[in-house]
Amino acid sequence: MRKALQLWLVFGVLCPWIVTAQEANSGLDLRETLSGQFAASNVLTEAPRSGAPASVGFRSVSYPTWKISSNWTATGVWQFTTRPYFYEDFSTAGYGANGDLLQASLNYSRASEQGSILIRAGQLQTVFGSFPLFYDDMDNALVDLPIEYGYYGAPVSLYGIDGAQMDGTRGKWDGRVQFANSSPANPRSLFARDQYGNWAGGGGYTIRQGLRVGVSAYRGPYLNRQSWYFPWGEESPSKLPAHALGLDGRWAYGHWTVQGEWQGFVLPYTVIPTYREKAGYGELKRVLSPRWYVAARNGNSRSKASGNVECIEAAAGFRPGRLELIKISYELEHYSTGSVRNENTLGIQFVTSFDVAKALH
């Protein structure tokens, strides 16, 4: 909360000056996504949660936007969830509710017939990978997240990191570069210890309308001394830069949408073997009618240290109205190691959204 207040105070100081300096229309906009979820899974009954076989959860994601002028905006993303909600919560103990500031940035943009440029500073989402564009429940065709994404122990976290980035497009090309205070594998608060500069970037090419291929990468120290992933006697985190490489593609044609990613991660150590993981997924969606669709995702991750995981999820989606979505999903995860090799989860999710806008002159 302290970080959120400081960032918005920065906006409050800067924005009036910008409005005075540029004569343009401005406005406020608030977009909200609300989700209710029922889940039944054998994971909920196993240690350390050891609870009932079913749970209900709630999630809200708020997107406030202040359009200061034709070029300047201030944007934010605030997420509130009960616990457990995300499938990764099922294998941890505890109940409760959390509010998290995922993004808060001051942005400058300019566009022309040749291309566009966007510069952002503040708390940002990582530019590594392509799924961070679809983490909202209304945009995610299924219920769970792809295997390499998450909020806690995933190699690519959806929590925000503090820094600055620049995005640009020209013709069929697009690119982005970001400098942040921590790694996408371990986001750190501005007030936390062990912050180290990290670089991330990516680019893509649109081969034809609806068909795009891209690449992304990140590099920088990822460990902090307070983490239980930091073994006794290890080198300073600043001397252990992680790096990752990702490939992604998306093709939308008629009623079909196909997308997927492949990613490789190298997290170095000196007192234990360096952790290496390869992960990826493929996702297929078919629109049956204006109200109905079906979707499936097959993901896998492979690591000598933690074993292999195969994940298959299938879902059907129904839209009662333009702003509502009901998803019914079944997921099977298979582990190559451990006492429990198979995890089965049934998820039912109801999602709705609304948008409130107010013009300022």
Protein backbone atom coordinates (compact mmCIF):
# COMPACT_ATOMS: atom_id res chain seq x y z
CA MET A 1 0.00 0.00 0.00
CA ARG A 2 2.87 2.38 0.81
CA LYS A 3 4.36 1.85 -2.64
CA ALA A 4 1.00 2.39 -4.33
CA LEU A 5 0.47 5.72 -2.53
CA GLN A 6 3.94 6.94 -3.45
CA LEU A 7 3.48 6.13 -7.12
CA TRP A 8 0.12 7.82 -7.33
CA LEU A 9 1.53 10.87 -5.51
CA VAL A 10 4.09 11.12 -8.29
CA PHE A 11 1.24 11.16 -10.80
CA GLY A 12 -0.52 13.85 -8.77
CA VAL A 13 2.54 16.10 -8.85
CA LEU A 14 3.40 15.61 -12.51
CA CYS A 15 -0.01 15.44 -14.14
CA PRO A 16 -1.28 19.01 -13.44
CA TRP A 17 1.93 20.40 -14.97
CA ILE A 18 1.47 18.26 -18.05
CA VAL A 19 -2.17 19.30 -18.44
CA THR A 20 -1.18 22.98 -18.26
CA ALA A 21 1.61 22.52 -20.78
CA GLN A 22 -0.50 20.80 -23.43
CA GLU A 23 -3.93 21.85 -24.63
CA ALA A 24 -5.89 18.67 -25.28
CA ASN A 25 -8.98 16.78 -24.14
CA SER A 26 -8.60 14.58 -21.09
CA GLY A 27 -10.69 12.04 -19.23
CA LEU A 28 -10.96 9.38 -16.56
CA ASP A 29 -11.76 5.75 -17.25
CA LEU A 30 -12.24 2.78 -14.92
CA ARG A 31 -12.53 -0.73 -16.30
CA GLU A 32 -13.31 -3.55 -13.89
CA THR A 33 -13.30 -7.34 -14.22
CA LEU A 34 -15.04 -9.40 -11.52
CA SER A 35 -14.72 -13.19 -11.27
CA GLY A 36 -16.34 -15.81 -9.08
CA GLN A 37 -14.92 -19.33 -9.13
CA PHE A 38 -15.79 -22.80 -7.90
CA ALA A 39 -13.10 -25.50 -7.98
CA ALA A 40 -13.00 -29.16 -6.98
CA SER A 41 -9.58 -30.83 -6.84
CA ASN A 42 -7.71 -33.60 -5.07
CA VAL A 43 -4.89 -31.06 -4.53
CA LEU A 44 -7.06 -29.23 -1.98
CA THR A 45 -7.21 -32.32 0.24
CA GLU A 46 -3.46 -33.00 0.24
CA ALA A 47 -0.80 -31.58 2.58
CA PRO A 48 0.00 -28.83 3.31
CA ARG A 49 -3.52 -27.46 2.66
CA SER A 50 -5.32 -30.66 3.79
CA GLY A 51 -8.74 -29.06 3.38
CA ALA A 52 -12.11 -29.78 1.81
CA PRO A 53 -12.12 -31.14 -1.76
CA ALA A 54 -13.87 -28.01 -3.10
CA SER A 55 -13.43 -24.26 -2.72
CA VAL A 56 -14.92 -20.98 -3.90
CA GLY A 57 -12.97 -17.83 -4.67
CA PHE A 58 -13.33 -14.25 -5.85
CA ARG A 59 -11.12 -12.00 -7.93
CA SER A 60 -11.42 -8.39 -9.05
CA VAL A 61 -9.03 -6.52 -11.35
CA SER A 62 -9.35 -2.73 -11.64
CA TYR A 63 -7.86 -0.73 -14.53
CA PRO A 64 -7.95 3.03 -13.77
CA THR A 65 -6.75 5.30 -16.58
CA TRP A 66 -6.27 9.05 -16.56
CA LYS A 67 -5.97 10.46 -20.06
CA ILE A 68 -4.08 13.67 -19.41
CA SER A 69 -3.72 14.74 -23.04
CA SER A 70 -3.47 13.20 -26.48
CA ASN A 71 0.05 11.96 -25.62
CA TRP A 72 0.13 11.51 -21.83
CA THR A 73 -1.73 9.00 -19.64
CA ALA A 74 -1.44 7.59 -16.13
CA THR A 75 -2.55 3.96 -15.80
CA GLY A 76 -2.79 1.36 -13.07
CA VAL A 77 -3.86 -2.24 -12.41
CA TRP A 78 -5.07 -3.27 -8.95
CA GLN A 79 -5.90 -6.92 -8.18
CA PHE A 80 -7.87 -8.27 -5.22
CA THR A 81 -8.23 -12.03 -4.66
CA THR A 82 -9.41 -14.38 -1.99
CA ARG A 83 -7.23 -17.37 -1.21
CA PRO A 84 -7.27 -20.00 -2.58
CA TYR A 85 -8.23 -18.72 -6.03
CA PHE A 86 -5.42 -19.47 -8.47
CA TYR A 87 -4.68 -23.15 -8.95
CA GLU A 88 -1.17 -22.64 -7.57
CA ASP A 89 -2.82 -21.64 -4.25
CA PHE A 90 -4.27 -25.15 -3.88
CA SER A 91 -0.92 -26.67 -2.89
CA THR A 92 -0.20 -24.09 -0.17
CA ALA A 93 -1.71 -23.67 3.29
CA GLY A 94 -3.85 -20.79 4.48
CA TYR A 95 -6.94 -18.76 3.68
CA GLY A 96 -7.52 -15.04 3.38
CA ALA A 97 -7.60 -12.15 0.91
CA ASN A 98 -4.88 -10.12 -0.79
CA GLY A 99 -4.76 -6.83 -2.62
CA ASP A 100 -1.85 -6.20 -4.98
CA LEU A 101 -0.82 -3.29 -7.16
CA LEU A 102 0.25 -4.98 -10.41
CA GLN A 103 0.91 -1.85 -12.48
CA ALA A 104 1.08 1.93 -11.98
CA SER A 105 2.84 4.02 -14.60
CA LEU A 106 3.11 7.38 -16.29
CA ASN A 107 3.04 6.94 -20.07
CA TYR A 108 3.91 8.98 -23.15
CA SER A 109 2.80 7.83 -26.60
CA ARG A 110 3.00 9.12 -30.14
CA ALA A 111 1.70 7.55 -33.35
CA SER A 112 1.99 8.25 -37.06
CA GLU A 113 1.33 6.46 -40.32
CA GLN A 114 4.83 4.96 -40.18
CA GLY A 115 4.57 3.56 -36.66
CA SER A 116 4.17 4.32 -32.96
CA ILE A 117 6.20 4.72 -29.77
CA LEU A 118 5.21 4.28 -26.13
CA ILE A 119 7.40 5.17 -23.12
CA ARG A 120 6.35 4.07 -19.62
CA ALA A 121 7.85 4.50 -16.14
CA GLY A 122 6.63 3.13 -12.81
CA GLN A 123 5.47 -0.33 -11.82
CA LEU A 124 5.19 -2.47 -14.93
CA GLN A 125 4.47 -5.98 -16.10
CA THR A 126 7.40 -7.89 -17.51
CA VAL A 127 7.81 -7.67 -21.28
CA PHE A 128 9.09 -11.26 -21.36
CA GLY A 129 6.67 -13.70 -23.03
CA SER A 130 3.26 -13.11 -24.58
CA PHE A 131 0.74 -14.47 -22.03
CA PRO A 132 0.96 -11.37 -19.74
CA LEU A 133 -1.31 -9.72 -22.31
CA PHE A 134 -4.08 -12.25 -21.49
CA TYR A 135 -3.90 -12.68 -17.69
CA ASP A 136 -7.35 -11.08 -17.21
CA ASP A 137 -10.06 -13.76 -16.75
CA MET A 138 -12.09 -12.19 -19.55
CA ASP A 139 -9.14 -12.56 -21.97
CA ASN A 140 -7.94 -16.00 -20.82
CA ALA A 141 -10.00 -18.62 -22.71
CA LEU A 142 -9.35 -21.22 -20.00
CA VAL A 143 -9.39 -21.08 -16.19
CA ASP A 144 -5.81 -21.92 -15.20
CA LEU A 145 -2.61 -20.15 -16.29
CA PRO A 146 -0.02 -21.63 -18.67
CA ILE A 147 2.48 -23.86 -16.93
CA GLU A 148 5.41 -21.38 -16.81
CA TYR A 149 3.37 -18.42 -15.47
CA GLY A 150 2.11 -17.63 -11.97
CA TYR A 151 2.38 -15.28 -9.01
CA TYR A 152 4.61 -17.14 -6.54
CA GLY A 153 7.13 -19.79 -7.60
CA ALA A 154 6.79 -19.62 -11.39
CA PRO A 155 9.77 -18.77 -13.63
CA VAL A 156 7.69 -15.86 -15.02
CA SER A 157 5.72 -13.95 -12.39
CA LEU A 158 2.70 -11.80 -13.25
CA TYR A 159 3.46 -9.45 -10.34
CA GLY A 160 4.73 -6.01 -11.31
CA ILE A 161 8.36 -4.89 -11.34
CA ASP A 162 9.57 -1.29 -11.04
CA GLY A 163 11.36 0.34 -13.93
CA ALA A 164 10.97 1.91 -17.35
CA GLN A 165 10.30 0.57 -20.82
CA MET A 166 9.87 1.63 -24.42
CA ASP A 167 7.63 -0.03 -27.01
CA GLY A 168 7.67 0.72 -30.71
CA THR A 169 6.10 -0.40 -33.97
CA ARG A 170 7.03 0.23 -37.58
CA GLY A 171 5.18 -1.45 -40.39
CA LYS A 172 4.89 -5.14 -39.59
CA TRP A 173 7.60 -5.01 -36.91
CA ASP A 174 7.16 -4.42 -33.18
CA GLY A 175 9.68 -4.26 -30.37
CA ARG A 176 10.05 -3.51 -26.67
CA VAL A 177 12.85 -3.06 -24.15
CA GLN A 178 12.61 -2.79 -20.35
CA PHE A 179 14.97 -2.02 -17.48
CA ALA A 180 13.69 -3.01 -14.02
CA ASN A 181 14.79 -3.29 -10.39
CA SER A 182 14.40 -7.09 -10.27
CA SER A 183 13.90 -10.25 -12.28
CA PRO A 184 10.62 -11.59 -13.72
CA ALA A 185 11.53 -14.78 -11.83
CA ASN A 186 11.53 -12.91 -8.49
CA PRO A 187 9.88 -9.45 -8.47
CA ARG A 188 11.16 -7.24 -5.62
CA SER A 189 9.55 -4.23 -3.96
CA LEU A 190 11.26 -0.86 -4.14
CA PHE A 191 11.66 -1.11 -0.36
CA ALA A 192 13.11 -4.64 -0.35
CA ARG A 193 16.75 -5.67 -0.01
CA ASP A 194 18.74 -7.28 -2.83
CA GLN A 195 17.47 -5.27 -5.77
CA TYR A 196 19.53 -5.62 -8.95
CA GLY A 197 19.06 -4.17 -12.41
CA ASN A 198 17.51 -6.50 -14.98
CA TRP A 199 17.06 -6.16 -18.71
CA ALA A 200 14.21 -7.66 -20.70
CA GLY A 201 13.09 -7.19 -24.26
CA GLY A 202 11.44 -8.71 -27.25
CA GLY A 203 10.16 -8.20 -30.73
CA GLY A 204 7.83 -9.63 -33.30
CA TYR A 205 6.84 -9.67 -36.95
CA THR A 206 3.29 -9.85 -38.30
CA ILE A 207 3.55 -12.11 -41.34
CA ARG A 208 -0.03 -11.43 -42.35
CA GLN A 209 -3.15 -10.19 -40.61
CA GLY A 210 -3.80 -12.51 -37.65
CA LEU A 211 -0.41 -14.29 -37.86
CA ARG A 212 2.47 -13.05 -35.70
CA VAL A 213 5.71 -14.61 -34.45
CA GLY A 214 7.90 -13.19 -31.71
CA VAL A 215 10.95 -13.63 -29.51
CA SER A 216 11.79 -12.32 -26.02
CA ALA A 217 14.57 -12.59 -23.44
CA TYR A 218 15.64 -11.38 -20.02
CA ARG A 219 18.93 -11.23 -18.09
CA GLY A 220 19.93 -10.15 -14.59
CA PRO A 221 20.39 -11.28 -10.95
CA TYR A 222 17.34 -13.09 -9.60
CA LEU A 223 18.11 -14.29 -6.05
CA ASN A 224 17.69 -12.53 -2.71
CA ARG A 225 19.34 -13.59 0.53
CA GLN A 226 16.04 -13.95 2.44
CA SER A 227 14.65 -16.54 -0.01
CA TRP A 228 14.69 -20.23 0.90
CA TYR A 229 15.95 -20.76 -2.68
CA PHE A 230 19.20 -19.06 -1.54
CA PRO A 231 21.45 -21.81 -0.08
CA TRP A 232 23.94 -21.22 2.72
CA GLY A 233 27.40 -20.31 1.44
CA GLU A 234 26.14 -19.13 -1.97
CA GLU A 235 27.80 -16.27 -3.88
CA SER A 236 26.38 -12.76 -3.71
CA PRO A 237 23.14 -12.58 -5.76
CA SER A 238 24.69 -9.80 -7.84
CA LYS A 239 27.17 -12.35 -9.25
CA LEU A 240 24.49 -14.81 -10.36
CA PRO A 241 22.66 -13.37 -13.37
CA ALA A 242 19.81 -15.51 -14.70
CA HIS A 243 18.85 -15.51 -18.33
CA ALA A 244 15.90 -16.76 -20.34
CA LEU A 245 14.85 -16.98 -23.98
CA GLY A 246 11.32 -17.31 -25.29
CA LEU A 247 9.61 -17.88 -28.63
CA ASP A 248 5.92 -17.22 -29.22
CA GLY A 249 3.37 -17.30 -32.00
CA ARG A 250 -0.30 -16.54 -32.52
CA TRP A 251 -2.58 -17.24 -35.50
CA ALA A 252 -6.22 -16.17 -35.72
CA TYR A 253 -8.18 -17.29 -38.77
CA GLY A 254 -11.96 -17.37 -39.03
CA HIS A 255 -13.37 -19.16 -35.99
CA TRP A 256 -9.97 -20.59 -34.97
CA THR A 257 -7.24 -19.14 -32.76
CA VAL A 258 -3.95 -20.94 -32.14
CA GLN A 259 -1.19 -19.64 -29.87
CA GLY A 260 1.80 -21.03 -28.06
CA GLU A 261 5.12 -20.34 -26.37
CA TRP A 262 8.41 -22.11 -25.74
CA GLN A 263 10.81 -20.83 -23.07
CA GLY A 264 14.18 -21.84 -21.66
CA PHE A 265 15.47 -20.68 -18.25
CA VAL A 266 18.93 -20.81 -16.67
CA LEU A 267 19.12 -19.85 -12.96
CA PRO A 268 22.78 -20.10 -11.86
CA TYR A 269 24.20 -21.35 -8.54
CA THR A 270 27.71 -22.18 -7.35
CA VAL A 271 27.20 -24.41 -4.29
CA ILE A 272 24.48 -26.52 -5.95
CA PRO A 273 23.90 -27.36 -9.65
CA THR A 274 22.57 -24.57 -11.83
CA TYR A 275 18.81 -24.85 -12.29
CA ARG A 276 17.72 -25.30 -15.91
CA GLU A 277 14.15 -25.59 -17.13
CA LYS A 278 12.44 -25.77 -20.51
CA ALA A 279 8.71 -25.11 -20.66
CA GLY A 280 6.04 -24.43 -23.23
CA TYR A 281 2.41 -24.74 -24.16
CA GLY A 282 0.11 -24.80 -27.14
CA GLU A 283 -3.44 -23.47 -27.00
CA LEU A 284 -6.34 -23.94 -29.41
CA LYS A 285 -9.69 -22.11 -29.40
CA ARG A 286 -12.69 -22.64 -31.65
CA VAL A 287 -15.69 -20.27 -31.70
CA LEU A 288 -18.84 -22.35 -32.24
CA SER A 289 -21.33 -19.47 -32.27
CA PRO A 290 -21.49 -15.86 -31.02
CA ARG A 291 -22.17 -17.24 -27.51
CA TRP A 292 -20.21 -20.52 -27.37
CA TYR A 293 -16.57 -21.57 -27.74
CA VAL A 294 -14.35 -24.50 -26.79
CA ALA A 295 -10.65 -24.33 -25.96
CA ALA A 296 -7.78 -26.59 -24.94
CA ARG A 297 -4.22 -26.07 -23.73
CA ASN A 298 -1.38 -28.60 -23.49
CA GLY A 299 1.68 -27.53 -21.51
CA ASN A 300 4.82 -29.18 -20.22
CA SER A 301 7.94 -28.29 -18.26
CA ARG A 302 11.14 -30.30 -18.01
CA SER A 303 13.91 -29.98 -15.44
CA LYS A 304 16.47 -32.46 -14.08
CA ALA A 305 16.21 -30.86 -10.63
CA SER A 306 12.42 -30.88 -10.16
CA GLY A 307 11.25 -33.42 -12.72
CA ASN A 308 8.77 -33.16 -15.58
CA VAL A 309 5.20 -31.89 -15.54
CA GLU A 310 2.55 -32.44 -18.21
CA CYS A 311 -0.65 -30.38 -18.06
CA ILE A 312 -3.78 -30.72 -20.18
CA GLU A 313 -6.78 -28.40 -19.74
CA ALA A 314 -10.01 -28.31 -21.75
CA ALA A 315 -12.82 -25.78 -21.38
CA ALA A 316 -16.15 -24.64 -22.78
CA GLY A 317 -17.17 -21.00 -22.64
CA PHE A 318 -20.64 -19.43 -22.81
CA ARG A 319 -21.47 -15.71 -23.03
CA PRO A 320 -24.90 -14.90 -21.52
CA GLY A 321 -24.36 -11.27 -22.53
CA ARG A 322 -21.74 -9.01 -24.07
CA LEU A 323 -20.04 -8.41 -20.72
CA GLU A 324 -20.46 -11.83 -19.10
CA LEU A 325 -18.61 -15.12 -19.55
CA ILE A 326 -19.08 -18.55 -17.96
CA LYS A 327 -16.23 -21.09 -18.27
CA ILE A 328 -16.29 -24.77 -17.33
CA SER A 329 -12.87 -26.41 -17.32
CA TYR A 330 -11.24 -29.74 -16.48
CA GLU A 331 -7.48 -30.00 -15.95
CA LEU A 332 -5.17 -32.99 -15.53
CA GLU A 333 -1.57 -32.56 -14.37
CA HIS A 334 0.91 -35.45 -14.35
CA TYR A 335 4.20 -35.32 -12.39
CA SER A 336 7.20 -37.56 -13.05
CA THR A 337 8.27 -37.38 -9.38
CA GLY A 338 6.59 -37.23 -5.98
CA SER A 339 4.09 -39.36 -4.04
CA VAL A 340 1.10 -37.91 -5.93
CA ARG A 341 1.62 -38.22 -9.68
CA ASN A 342 -1.79 -37.03 -10.96
CA GLU A 343 -3.81 -33.95 -10.03
CA ASN A 344 -7.37 -33.45 -11.28
CA THR A 345 -9.23 -30.13 -11.08
CA LEU A 346 -12.72 -29.10 -12.17
CA GLY A 347 -13.19 -25.35 -12.40
CA ILE A 348 -16.29 -23.24 -13.02
CA GLN A 349 -15.76 -19.52 -13.44
CA PHE A 350 -18.22 -16.66 -13.89
CA VAL A 351 -16.69 -13.43 -15.21
CA THR A 352 -18.28 -10.03 -15.74
CA SER A 353 -16.89 -6.59 -16.53
CA PHE A 354 -17.93 -2.97 -16.78
CA ASP A 355 -16.43 0.32 -17.90
CA VAL A 356 -17.04 3.82 -16.50
CA ALA A 357 -15.68 6.85 -18.35
CA LYS A 358 -15.83 10.57 -17.60
CA ALA A 359 -14.61 13.29 -19.94
CA LEU A 360 -12.62 16.22 -18.55
CA HIS A 361 -12.03 19.51 -20.36
